[in-house]
PDB file of N, CA and C in Angstrom:
ATOM      1  N   MET A   1       6.231  -7.806  -6.055  1.00  0.00           N
ATOM      2  CA  MET A   1       6.998  -6.764  -6.709  1.00  0.00           C
ATOM      3  C   MET A   1       6.709  -6.765  -8.216  1.00  0.00           C
ATOM      4  N   ARG A   2       6.520  -7.963  -8.773  1.00  0.00           N
ATOM      5  CA  ARG A   2       6.248  -8.057 -10.207  1.00  0.00           C
ATOM      6  C   ARG A   2       4.934  -7.356 -10.558  1.00  0.00           C
ATOM      7  N   ASN A   3       3.901  -7.548  -9.715  1.00  0.00           N
ATOM      8  CA  ASN A   3       2.616  -6.889  -9.957  1.00  0.00           C
ATOM      9  C   ASN A   3       2.755  -5.378  -9.905  1.00  0.00           C
ATOM     10  N   ASN A   4       3.596  -4.891  -8.990  1.00  0.00           N
ATOM     11  CA  ASN A   4       3.827  -3.456  -8.880  1.00  0.00           C
ATOM     12  C   ASN A   4       4.463  -2.917 -10.154  1.00  0.00           C
ATOM     13  N   GLN A   5       5.416  -3.640 -10.701  1.00  0.00           N
ATOM     14  CA  GLN A   5       6.064  -3.219 -11.947  1.00  0.00           C
ATOM     15  C   GLN A   5       5.074  -3.246 -13.111  1.00  0.00           C
ATOM     16  N   GLU A   6       4.222  -4.266 -13.136  1.00  0.00           N
ATOM     17  CA  GLU A   6       3.201  -4.336 -14.181  1.00  0.00           C
ATOM     18  C   GLU A   6       2.230  -3.174 -14.069  1.00  0.00           C
ATOM     19  N   ALA A   7       1.835  -2.844 -12.852  1.00  0.00           N
ATOM     20  CA  ALA A   7       0.914  -1.723 -12.637  1.00  0.00           C
ATOM     21  C   ALA A   7       1.569  -0.405 -13.060  1.00  0.00           C
ATOM     22  N   GLN A   8       2.840  -0.237 -12.733  1.00  0.00           N
ATOM     23  CA  GLN A   8       3.546   0.975 -13.149  1.00  0.00           C
ATOM     24  C   GLN A   8       3.654   1.050 -14.666  1.00  0.00           C
ATOM     25  N   GLY A   9       3.902  -0.081 -15.300  1.00  0.00           N
ATOM     26  CA  GLY A   9       3.962  -0.121 -16.761  1.00  0.00           C
ATOM     27  C   GLY A   9       2.624   0.243 -17.379  1.00  0.00           C
ATOM     28  N   ARG A  10       1.547  -0.245 -16.779  1.00  0.00           N
ATOM     29  CA  ARG A  10       0.214   0.089 -17.290  1.00  0.00           C
ATOM     30  C   ARG A  10      -0.104   1.564 -17.074  1.00  0.00           C
ATOM     31  N   MET A  11       0.324   2.111 -15.948  1.00  0.00           N
ATOM     32  CA  MET A  11       0.095   3.536 -15.707  1.00  0.00           C
ATOM     33  C   MET A  11       0.836   4.392 -16.730  1.00  0.00           C
ATOM     34  N   LEU A  12       2.055   3.982 -17.058  1.00  0.00           N
ATOM     35  CA  LEU A  12       2.819   4.690 -18.089  1.00  0.00           C
ATOM     36  C   LEU A  12       2.114   4.586 -19.435  1.00  0.00           C
ATOM     37  N   GLU A  13       1.640   3.392 -19.759  1.00  0.00           N
ATOM     38  CA  GLU A  13       0.912   3.190 -21.006  1.00  0.00           C
ATOM     39  C   GLU A  13      -0.391   3.993 -21.011  1.00  0.00           C
ATOM     40  N   LEU A  14      -1.047   4.047 -19.878  1.00  0.00           N
ATOM     41  CA  LEU A  14      -2.272   4.821 -19.738  1.00  0.00           C
ATOM     42  C   LEU A  14      -2.002   6.303 -19.981  1.00  0.00           C
ATOM     43  N   ASN A  15      -0.947   6.831 -19.388  1.00  0.00           N
ATOM     44  CA  ASN A  15      -0.588   8.239 -19.598  1.00  0.00           C
ATOM     45  C   ASN A  15      -0.259   8.517 -21.060  1.00  0.00           C
ATOM     46  N   ARG A  16       0.458   7.584 -21.697  1.00  0.00           N
ATOM     47  CA  ARG A  16       0.778   7.743 -23.119  1.00  0.00           C
ATOM     48  C   ARG A  16      -0.487   7.765 -23.976  1.00  0.00           C
ATOM     49  N   GLU A  17      -1.406   6.872 -23.662  1.00  0.00           N
ATOM     50  CA  GLU A  17      -2.656   6.795 -24.432  1.00  0.00           C
ATOM     51  C   GLU A  17      -3.469   8.075 -24.283  1.00  0.00           C
ATOM     52  N   ILE A  18      -3.552   8.597 -23.061  1.00  0.00           N
ATOM     53  CA  ILE A  18      -4.300   9.837 -22.832  1.00  0.00           C
ATOM     54  C   ILE A  18      -3.636  11.006 -23.556  1.00  0.00           C
ATOM     55  N   ALA A  19      -2.308  11.048 -23.533  1.00  0.00           N
ATOM     56  CA  ALA A  19      -1.586  12.118 -24.241  1.00  0.00           C
ATOM     57  C   ALA A  19      -1.805  12.015 -25.750  1.00  0.00           C
ATOM     58  N   THR A  20      -1.783  10.800 -26.283  1.00  0.00           N
ATOM     59  CA  THR A  20      -2.016  10.599 -27.717  1.00  0.00           C
ATOM     60  C   THR A  20      -3.425  11.017 -28.090  1.00  0.00           C
ATOM     61  N   TRP A  21      -4.377  10.637 -27.257  1.00  0.00           N
ATOM     62  CA  TRP A  21      -5.777  10.987 -27.467  1.00  0.00           C
ATOM     63  C   TRP A  21      -5.941  12.506 -27.461  1.00  0.00           C
ATOM     64  N   SER A  22      -5.367  13.164 -26.480  1.00  0.00           N
ATOM     65  CA  SER A  22      -5.472  14.625 -26.372  1.00  0.00           C
ATOM     66  C   SER A  22      -4.844  15.313 -27.575  1.00  0.00           C
ATOM     67  N   ARG A  23      -3.690  14.811 -27.986  1.00  0.00           N
ATOM     68  CA  ARG A  23      -3.007  15.394 -29.141  1.00  0.00           C
ATOM     69  C   ARG A  23      -3.840  15.231 -30.414  1.00  0.00           C
ATOM     70  N   ALA A  24      -4.444  14.070 -30.583  1.00  0.00           N
ATOM     71  CA  ALA A  24      -5.287  13.826 -31.757  1.00  0.00           C
ATOM     72  C   ALA A  24      -6.488  14.775 -31.760  1.00  0.00           C
ATOM     73  N   GLN A  25      -7.099  14.975 -30.592  1.00  0.00           N
ATOM     74  CA  GLN A  25      -8.238  15.887 -30.504  1.00  0.00           C
ATOM     75  C   GLN A  25      -7.822  17.310 -30.877  1.00  0.00           C
ATOM     76  N   LEU A  26      -6.678  17.734 -30.375  1.00  0.00           N
ATOM     77  CA  LEU A  26      -6.183  19.069 -30.687  1.00  0.00           C
ATOM     78  C   LEU A  26      -5.905  19.223 -32.179  1.00  0.00           C
ATOM     79  N   ASP A  27      -5.240  18.227 -32.760  1.00  0.00           N
ATOM     80  CA  ASP A  27      -4.931  18.276 -34.194  1.00  0.00           C
ATOM     81  C   ASP A  27      -6.196  18.351 -35.044  1.00  0.00           C
ATOM     82  N   HIS A  28      -7.199  17.544 -34.694  1.00  0.00           N
ATOM     83  CA  HIS A  28      -8.452  17.559 -35.459  1.00  0.00           C
ATOM     84  C   HIS A  28      -9.183  18.885 -35.309  1.00  0.00           C
ATOM     85  N   SER A  29      -9.129  19.456 -34.128  1.00  0.00           N
ATOM     86  CA  SER A  29      -9.771  20.755 -33.908  1.00  0.00           C
ATOM     87  C   SER A  29      -9.086  21.855 -34.706  1.00  0.00           C
ATOM     88  N   ILE A  30      -7.764  21.814 -34.743  1.00  0.00           N
ATOM     89  CA  ILE A  30      -7.014  22.811 -35.525  1.00  0.00           C
ATOM     90  C   ILE A  30      -7.314  22.663 -37.011  1.00  0.00           C
ATOM     91  N   ASP A  31      -7.348  21.415 -37.493  1.00  0.00           N
ATOM     92  CA  ASP A  31      -7.676  21.177 -38.900  1.00  0.00           C
ATOM     93  C   ASP A  31      -9.076  21.686 -39.231  1.00  0.00           C
ATOM     94  N   ALA A  32     -10.026  21.458 -38.328  1.00  0.00           N
ATOM     95  CA  ALA A  32     -11.395  21.928 -38.557  1.00  0.00           C
ATOM     96  C   ALA A  32     -11.448  23.452 -38.579  1.00  0.00           C
ATOM     97  N   ALA A  33     -10.699  24.101 -37.690  1.00  0.00           N
ATOM     98  CA  ALA A  33     -10.675  25.570 -37.679  1.00  0.00           C
ATOM     99  C   ALA A  33     -10.101  26.112 -38.986  1.00  0.00           C
ATOM    100  N   ARG A  34      -9.066  25.462 -39.492  1.00  0.00           N
ATOM    101  CA  ARG A  34      -8.497  25.871 -40.788  1.00  0.00           C
ATOM    102  C   ARG A  34      -9.503  25.686 -41.915  1.00  0.00           C
ATOM    103  N   SER A  35     -10.200  24.568 -41.876  1.00  0.00           N
ATOM    104  CA  SER A  35     -11.213  24.309 -42.907  1.00  0.00           C
ATOM    105  C   SER A  35     -12.344  25.324 -42.824  1.00  0.00           C
ATOM    106  N   MET A  36     -12.741  25.681 -41.618  1.00  0.00           N
ATOM    107  CA  MET A  36     -13.816  26.656 -41.440  1.00  0.00           C
ATOM    108  C   MET A  36     -13.439  28.014 -42.018  1.00  0.00           C
ATOM    109  N   ALA A  37     -12.171  28.349 -41.953  1.00  0.00           N
ATOM    110  CA  ALA A  37     -11.720  29.638 -42.477  1.00  0.00           C
ATOM    111  C   ALA A  37     -11.817  29.695 -43.999  1.00  0.00           C
ATOM    112  N   GLN A  38     -11.909  28.538 -44.636  1.00  0.00           N
ATOM    113  CA  GLN A  38     -11.923  28.492 -46.101  1.00  0.00           C
ATOM    114  C   GLN A  38     -13.305  28.241 -46.696  1.00  0.00           C
ATOM    115  N   VAL A  39     -14.290  27.931 -45.877  1.00  0.00           N
ATOM    116  CA  VAL A  39     -15.610  27.600 -46.412  1.00  0.00           C
ATOM    117  C   VAL A  39     -16.351  28.856 -46.848  1.00  0.00           C
ATOM    118  N   ARG A  40     -17.271  28.663 -47.800  1.00  0.00           N
ATOM    119  CA  ARG A  40     -18.010  29.803 -48.346  1.00  0.00           C
ATOM    120  C   ARG A  40     -19.525  29.677 -48.159  1.00  0.00           C
ATOM    121  N   THR A  41     -19.988  28.494 -47.792  1.00  0.00           N
ATOM    122  CA  THR A  41     -21.433  28.304 -47.671  1.00  0.00           C
ATOM    123  C   THR A  41     -21.774  27.714 -46.302  1.00  0.00           C
ATOM    124  N   VAL A  42     -23.037  27.874 -45.954  1.00  0.00           N
ATOM    125  CA  VAL A  42     -23.519  27.315 -44.694  1.00  0.00           C
ATOM    126  C   VAL A  42     -23.434  25.787 -44.737  1.00  0.00           C
ATOM    127  N   GLY A  43     -23.711  25.200 -45.877  1.00  0.00           N
ATOM    128  CA  GLY A  43     -23.619  23.751 -46.028  1.00  0.00           C
ATOM    129  C   GLY A  43     -22.206  23.246 -45.790  1.00  0.00           C
ATOM    130  N   ALA A  44     -21.224  24.000 -46.268  1.00  0.00           N
ATOM    131  CA  ALA A  44     -19.829  23.610 -46.062  1.00  0.00           C
ATOM    132  C   ALA A  44     -19.447  23.711 -44.584  1.00  0.00           C
ATOM    133  N   VAL A  45     -19.958  24.721 -43.887  1.00  0.00           N
ATOM    134  CA  VAL A  45     -19.713  24.856 -42.446  1.00  0.00           C
ATOM    135  C   VAL A  45     -20.293  23.641 -41.720  1.00  0.00           C
ATOM    136  N   TYR A  46     -21.504  23.282 -42.092  1.00  0.00           N
ATOM    137  CA  TYR A  46     -22.150  22.110 -41.504  1.00  0.00           C
ATOM    138  C   TYR A  46     -21.318  20.847 -41.748  1.00  0.00           C
ATOM    139  N   ASP A  47     -20.833  20.669 -42.961  1.00  0.00           N
ATOM    140  CA  ASP A  47     -20.018  19.496 -43.294  1.00  0.00           C
ATOM    141  C   ASP A  47     -18.741  19.430 -42.466  1.00  0.00           C
ATOM    142  N   VAL A  48     -18.074  20.574 -42.287  1.00  0.00           N
ATOM    143  CA  VAL A  48     -16.846  20.610 -41.493  1.00  0.00           C
ATOM    144  C   VAL A  48     -17.148  20.254 -40.036  1.00  0.00           C
ATOM    145  N   GLN A  49     -18.202  20.847 -39.495  1.00  0.00           N
ATOM    146  CA  GLN A  49     -18.566  20.567 -38.108  1.00  0.00           C
ATOM    147  C   GLN A  49     -18.969  19.102 -37.919  1.00  0.00           C
ATOM    148  N   LEU A  50     -19.722  18.577 -38.868  1.00  0.00           N
ATOM    149  CA  LEU A  50     -20.137  17.181 -38.795  1.00  0.00           C
ATOM    150  C   LEU A  50     -18.923  16.251 -38.890  1.00  0.00           C
ATOM    151  N   GLY A  51     -17.994  16.568 -39.759  1.00  0.00           N
ATOM    152  CA  GLY A  51     -16.773  15.769 -39.879  1.00  0.00           C
ATOM    153  C   GLY A  51     -15.955  15.786 -38.601  1.00  0.00           C
ATOM    154  N   LEU A  52     -15.835  16.963 -37.979  1.00  0.00           N
ATOM    155  CA  LEU A  52     -15.102  17.067 -36.720  1.00  0.00           C
ATOM    156  C   LEU A  52     -15.795  16.256 -35.628  1.00  0.00           C
ATOM    157  N   LEU A  53     -17.103  16.378 -35.545  1.00  0.00           N
ATOM    158  CA  LEU A  53     -17.852  15.620 -34.542  1.00  0.00           C
ATOM    159  C   LEU A  53     -17.680  14.116 -34.747  1.00  0.00           C
ATOM    160  N   ARG A  54     -17.762  13.675 -35.985  1.00  0.00           N
ATOM    161  CA  ARG A  54     -17.597  12.253 -36.281  1.00  0.00           C
ATOM    162  C   ARG A  54     -16.201  11.770 -35.877  1.00  0.00           C
ATOM    163  N   THR A  55     -15.187  12.543 -36.213  1.00  0.00           N
ATOM    164  CA  THR A  55     -13.806  12.181 -35.880  1.00  0.00           C
ATOM    165  C   THR A  55     -13.600  12.138 -34.369  1.00  0.00           C
ATOM    166  N   ILE A  56     -14.128  13.127 -33.676  1.00  0.00           N
ATOM    167  CA  ILE A  56     -13.992  13.167 -32.222  1.00  0.00           C
ATOM    168  C   ILE A  56     -14.678  11.965 -31.589  1.00  0.00           C
ATOM    169  N   MET A  57     -15.869  11.619 -32.062  1.00  0.00           N
ATOM    170  CA  MET A  57     -16.591  10.471 -31.506  1.00  0.00           C
ATOM    171  C   MET A  57     -15.834   9.170 -31.777  1.00  0.00           C
ATOM    172  N   GLU A  58     -15.314   8.987 -32.981  1.00  0.00           N
ATOM    173  CA  GLU A  58     -14.570   7.764 -33.306  1.00  0.00           C
ATOM    174  C   GLU A  58     -13.309   7.647 -32.457  1.00  0.00           C
ATOM    175  N   ASN A  59     -12.567   8.755 -32.348  1.00  0.00           N
ATOM    176  CA  ASN A  59     -11.347   8.742 -31.529  1.00  0.00           C
ATOM    177  C   ASN A  59     -11.667   8.503 -30.056  1.00  0.00           C
ATOM    178  N   SER A  60     -12.736   9.106 -29.588  1.00  0.00           N
ATOM    179  CA  SER A  60     -13.110   8.933 -28.188  1.00  0.00           C
ATOM    180  C   SER A  60     -13.478   7.488 -27.894  1.00  0.00           C
ATOM    181  N   MET A  61     -14.187   6.851 -28.801  1.00  0.00           N
ATOM    182  CA  MET A  61     -14.546   5.448 -28.601  1.00  0.00           C
ATOM    183  C   MET A  61     -13.301   4.562 -28.617  1.00  0.00           C
ATOM    184  N   ARG A  62     -12.412   4.808 -29.559  1.00  0.00           N
ATOM    185  CA  ARG A  62     -11.210   3.975 -29.679  1.00  0.00           C
ATOM    186  C   ARG A  62     -10.269   4.184 -28.491  1.00  0.00           C
ATOM    187  N   HIS A  63      -9.905   5.431 -28.246  1.00  0.00           N
ATOM    188  CA  HIS A  63      -8.975   5.720 -27.152  1.00  0.00           C
ATOM    189  C   HIS A  63      -9.618   5.468 -25.789  1.00  0.00           C
ATOM    190  N   GLY A  64     -10.896   5.787 -25.662  1.00  0.00           N
ATOM    191  CA  GLY A  64     -11.591   5.577 -24.401  1.00  0.00           C
ATOM    192  C   GLY A  64     -11.628   4.113 -23.992  1.00  0.00           C
ATOM    193  N   SER A  65     -11.819   3.230 -24.954  1.00  0.00           N
ATOM    194  CA  SER A  65     -11.850   1.805 -24.600  1.00  0.00           C
ATOM    195  C   SER A  65     -10.469   1.320 -24.169  1.00  0.00           C
ATOM    196  N   VAL A  66      -9.420   1.837 -24.796  1.00  0.00           N
ATOM    197  CA  VAL A  66      -8.059   1.467 -24.387  1.00  0.00           C
ATOM    198  C   VAL A  66      -7.771   1.992 -22.985  1.00  0.00           C
ATOM    199  N   VAL A  67      -8.130   3.241 -22.722  1.00  0.00           N
ATOM    200  CA  VAL A  67      -7.911   3.843 -21.403  1.00  0.00           C
ATOM    201  C   VAL A  67      -8.690   3.072 -20.338  1.00  0.00           C
ATOM    202  N   PHE A  68      -9.943   2.737 -20.625  1.00  0.00           N
ATOM    203  CA  PHE A  68     -10.746   1.989 -19.659  1.00  0.00           C
ATOM    204  C   PHE A  68     -10.127   0.626 -19.376  1.00  0.00           C
ATOM    205  N   ASP A  69      -9.683  -0.068 -20.411  1.00  0.00           N
ATOM    206  CA  ASP A  69      -9.081  -1.386 -20.236  1.00  0.00           C
ATOM    207  C   ASP A  69      -7.808  -1.297 -19.388  1.00  0.00           C
ATOM    208  N   LEU A  70      -6.950  -0.339 -19.685  1.00  0.00           N
ATOM    209  CA  LEU A  70      -5.720  -0.175 -18.917  1.00  0.00           C
ATOM    210  C   LEU A  70      -6.017   0.174 -17.460  1.00  0.00           C
ATOM    211  N   ALA A  71      -6.964   1.068 -17.247  1.00  0.00           N
ATOM    212  CA  ALA A  71      -7.306   1.464 -15.877  1.00  0.00           C
ATOM    213  C   ALA A  71      -7.899   0.283 -15.108  1.00  0.00           C
ATOM    214  N   ALA A  72      -8.753  -0.491 -15.758  1.00  0.00           N
ATOM    215  CA  ALA A  72      -9.362  -1.644 -15.086  1.00  0.00           C
ATOM    216  C   ALA A  72      -8.311  -2.687 -14.722  1.00  0.00           C
ATOM    217  N   ARG A  73      -7.391  -2.968 -15.645  1.00  0.00           N
ATOM    218  CA  ARG A  73      -6.344  -3.953 -15.345  1.00  0.00           C
ATOM    219  C   ARG A  73      -5.425  -3.458 -14.239  1.00  0.00           C
ATOM    220  N   THR A  74      -5.129  -2.169 -14.220  1.00  0.00           N
ATOM    221  CA  THR A  74      -4.282  -1.606 -13.172  1.00  0.00           C
ATOM    222  C   THR A  74      -4.976  -1.712 -11.818  1.00  0.00           C
ATOM    223  N   MET A  75      -6.263  -1.416 -11.782  1.00  0.00           N
ATOM    224  CA  MET A  75      -7.006  -1.523 -10.528  1.00  0.00           C
ATOM    225  C   MET A  75      -7.073  -2.971 -10.062  1.00  0.00           C
ATOM    226  N   MET A  76      -7.252  -3.898 -10.979  1.00  0.00           N
ATOM    227  CA  MET A  76      -7.304  -5.317 -10.604  1.00  0.00           C
ATOM    228  C   MET A  76      -5.963  -5.758 -10.023  1.00  0.00           C
ATOM    229  N   ASP A  77      -4.868  -5.272 -10.588  1.00  0.00           N
ATOM    230  CA  ASP A  77      -3.548  -5.601 -10.044  1.00  0.00           C
ATOM    231  C   ASP A  77      -3.409  -5.097  -8.613  1.00  0.00           C
ATOM    232  N   SER A  78      -3.919  -3.895  -8.347  1.00  0.00           N
ATOM    233  CA  SER A  78      -3.783  -3.343  -6.995  1.00  0.00           C
ATOM    234  C   SER A  78      -4.643  -4.111  -6.003  1.00  0.00           C
ATOM    235  N   VAL A  79      -5.712  -4.729  -6.454  1.00  0.00           N
ATOM    236  CA  VAL A  79      -6.555  -5.538  -5.578  1.00  0.00           C
ATOM    237  C   VAL A  79      -5.930  -6.915  -5.355  1.00  0.00           C
ATOM    238  N   GLN A  80      -5.268  -7.461  -6.348  1.00  0.00           N
ATOM    239  CA  GLN A  80      -4.704  -8.805  -6.251  1.00  0.00           C
ATOM    240  C   GLN A  80      -3.527  -8.876  -5.279  1.00  0.00           C
ATOM    241  N   ILE A  81      -2.775  -7.822  -5.148  1.00  0.00           N
ATOM    242  CA  ILE A  81      -1.607  -7.853  -4.261  1.00  0.00           C
ATOM    243  C   ILE A  81      -2.024  -8.156  -2.818  1.00  0.00           C
ATOM    244  N   PRO A  82      -2.980  -7.404  -2.215  1.00  0.00           N
ATOM    245  CA  PRO A  82      -3.383  -7.743  -0.846  1.00  0.00           C
ATOM    246  C   PRO A  82      -3.996  -9.140  -0.756  1.00  0.00           C
ATOM    247  N   GLN A  83      -4.725  -9.591  -1.776  1.00  0.00           N
ATOM    248  CA  GLN A  83      -5.300 -10.929  -1.740  1.00  0.00           C
ATOM    249  C   GLN A  83      -4.206 -11.980  -1.695  1.00  0.00           C
ATOM    250  N   GLN A  84      -3.145 -11.781  -2.451  1.00  0.00           N
ATOM    251  CA  GLN A  84      -2.039 -12.733  -2.453  1.00  0.00           C
ATOM    252  C   GLN A  84      -1.366 -12.766  -1.077  1.00  0.00           C
ATOM    253  N   VAL A  85      -1.227 -11.613  -0.458  1.00  0.00           N
ATOM    254  CA  VAL A  85      -0.621 -11.549   0.874  1.00  0.00           C
ATOM    255  C   VAL A  85      -1.512 -12.273   1.878  1.00  0.00           C
ATOM    256  N   ARG A  86      -2.832 -12.056   1.792  1.00  0.00           N
ATOM    257  CA  ARG A  86      -3.762 -12.734   2.693  1.00  0.00           C
ATOM    258  C   ARG A  86      -3.700 -14.248   2.504  1.00  0.00           C
ATOM    259  N   GLN A  87      -3.660 -14.695   1.268  1.00  0.00           N
ATOM    260  CA  GLN A  87      -3.595 -16.130   1.000  1.00  0.00           C
ATOM    261  C   GLN A  87      -2.310 -16.724   1.565  1.00  0.00           C
ATOM    262  N   TYR A  88      -1.214 -16.044   1.401  1.00  0.00           N
ATOM    263  CA  TYR A  88       0.067 -16.533   1.912  1.00  0.00           C
ATOM    264  C   TYR A  88       0.023 -16.619   3.434  1.00  0.00           C
ATOM    265  N   GLY A  89      -0.520 -15.569   4.065  1.00  0.00           N
ATOM    266  CA  GLY A  89      -0.604 -15.554   5.523  1.00  0.00           C
ATOM    267  C   GLY A  89      -1.515 -16.641   6.055  1.00  0.00           C
ATOM    268  N   SER A  90      -2.645 -16.890   5.393  1.00  0.00           N
ATOM    269  CA  SER A  90      -3.570 -17.922   5.882  1.00  0.00           C
ATOM    270  C   SER A  90      -2.976 -19.321   5.677  1.00  0.00           C
ATOM    271  N   GLN A  91      -2.159 -19.496   4.667  1.00  0.00           N
ATOM    272  CA  GLN A  91      -1.506 -20.789   4.451  1.00  0.00           C
ATOM    273  C   GLN A  91      -0.504 -21.074   5.566  1.00  0.00           C
ATOM    274  N   ARG A  92       0.094 -20.025   6.085  1.00  0.00           N
ATOM    275  CA  ARG A  92       1.100 -20.183   7.142  1.00  0.00           C
ATOM    276  C   ARG A  92       0.473 -20.084   8.519  1.00  0.00           C
ATOM    277  N   GLY A  93      -0.852 -19.886   8.602  1.00  0.00           N
ATOM    278  CA  GLY A  93      -1.529 -19.794   9.890  1.00  0.00           C
ATOM    279  C   GLY A  93      -1.302 -18.454  10.567  1.00  0.00           C
ATOM    280  N   GLN A  94      -1.031 -17.409   9.792  1.00  0.00           N
ATOM    281  CA  GLN A  94      -0.747 -16.089  10.351  1.00  0.00           C
ATOM    282  C   GLN A  94      -1.874 -15.138  10.017  1.00  0.00           C
ATOM    283  N   GLN A  95      -1.866 -14.023  10.700  1.00  0.00           N
ATOM    284  CA  GLN A  95      -2.796 -12.949  10.396  1.00  0.00           C
ATOM    285  C   GLN A  95      -2.373 -12.306   9.079  1.00  0.00           C
ATOM    286  N   PRO A  96      -3.313 -11.785   8.313  1.00  0.00           N
ATOM    287  CA  PRO A  96      -2.969 -11.085   7.070  1.00  0.00           C
ATOM    288  C   PRO A  96      -2.050  -9.906   7.344  1.00  0.00           C
ATOM    289  N   ALA A  97      -1.080  -9.733   6.473  1.00  0.00           N
ATOM    290  CA  ALA A  97      -0.104  -8.663   6.642  1.00  0.00           C
ATOM    291  C   ALA A  97      -0.662  -7.310   6.252  1.00  0.00           C
ATOM    292  N   LEU A  98      -1.608  -7.282   5.290  1.00  0.00           N
ATOM    293  CA  LEU A  98      -2.153  -6.019   4.816  1.00  0.00           C
ATOM    294  C   LEU A  98      -3.672  -6.048   4.870  1.00  0.00           C
ATOM    295  N   GLY A  99      -4.231  -4.941   5.235  1.00  0.00           N
ATOM    296  CA  GLY A  99      -5.652  -4.680   5.073  1.00  0.00           C
ATOM    297  C   GLY A  99      -6.612  -5.660   5.704  1.00  0.00           C
ATOM    298  N   GLY A 100      -6.366  -6.153   6.823  1.00  0.00           N
ATOM    299  CA  GLY A 100      -7.415  -6.819   7.497  1.00  0.00           C
ATOM    300  C   GLY A 100      -7.277  -8.215   7.810  1.00  0.00           C
TER     301      GLY A 100
END
């Protein structure tokens, strides 16, 4: 039951991280659109686009690694539960209760 609660907590954290990431992307895109409306030269347009691309890449790397870590730990928790049940059953000389 404890592993299930931990997995649920990680899923909640994962959803929060994805929402934060999405919100940051939206905010940066809106800021770039505002900046584009004020530029007067092609060089300035290039600078705004390059800045947006750089920000998006940095945020994607940061948030993406957190999302990947949370998802991997959640998946590992879901794999460990049946293994623990199998180990308990084999210690008692019984057939595994879940999955085989």
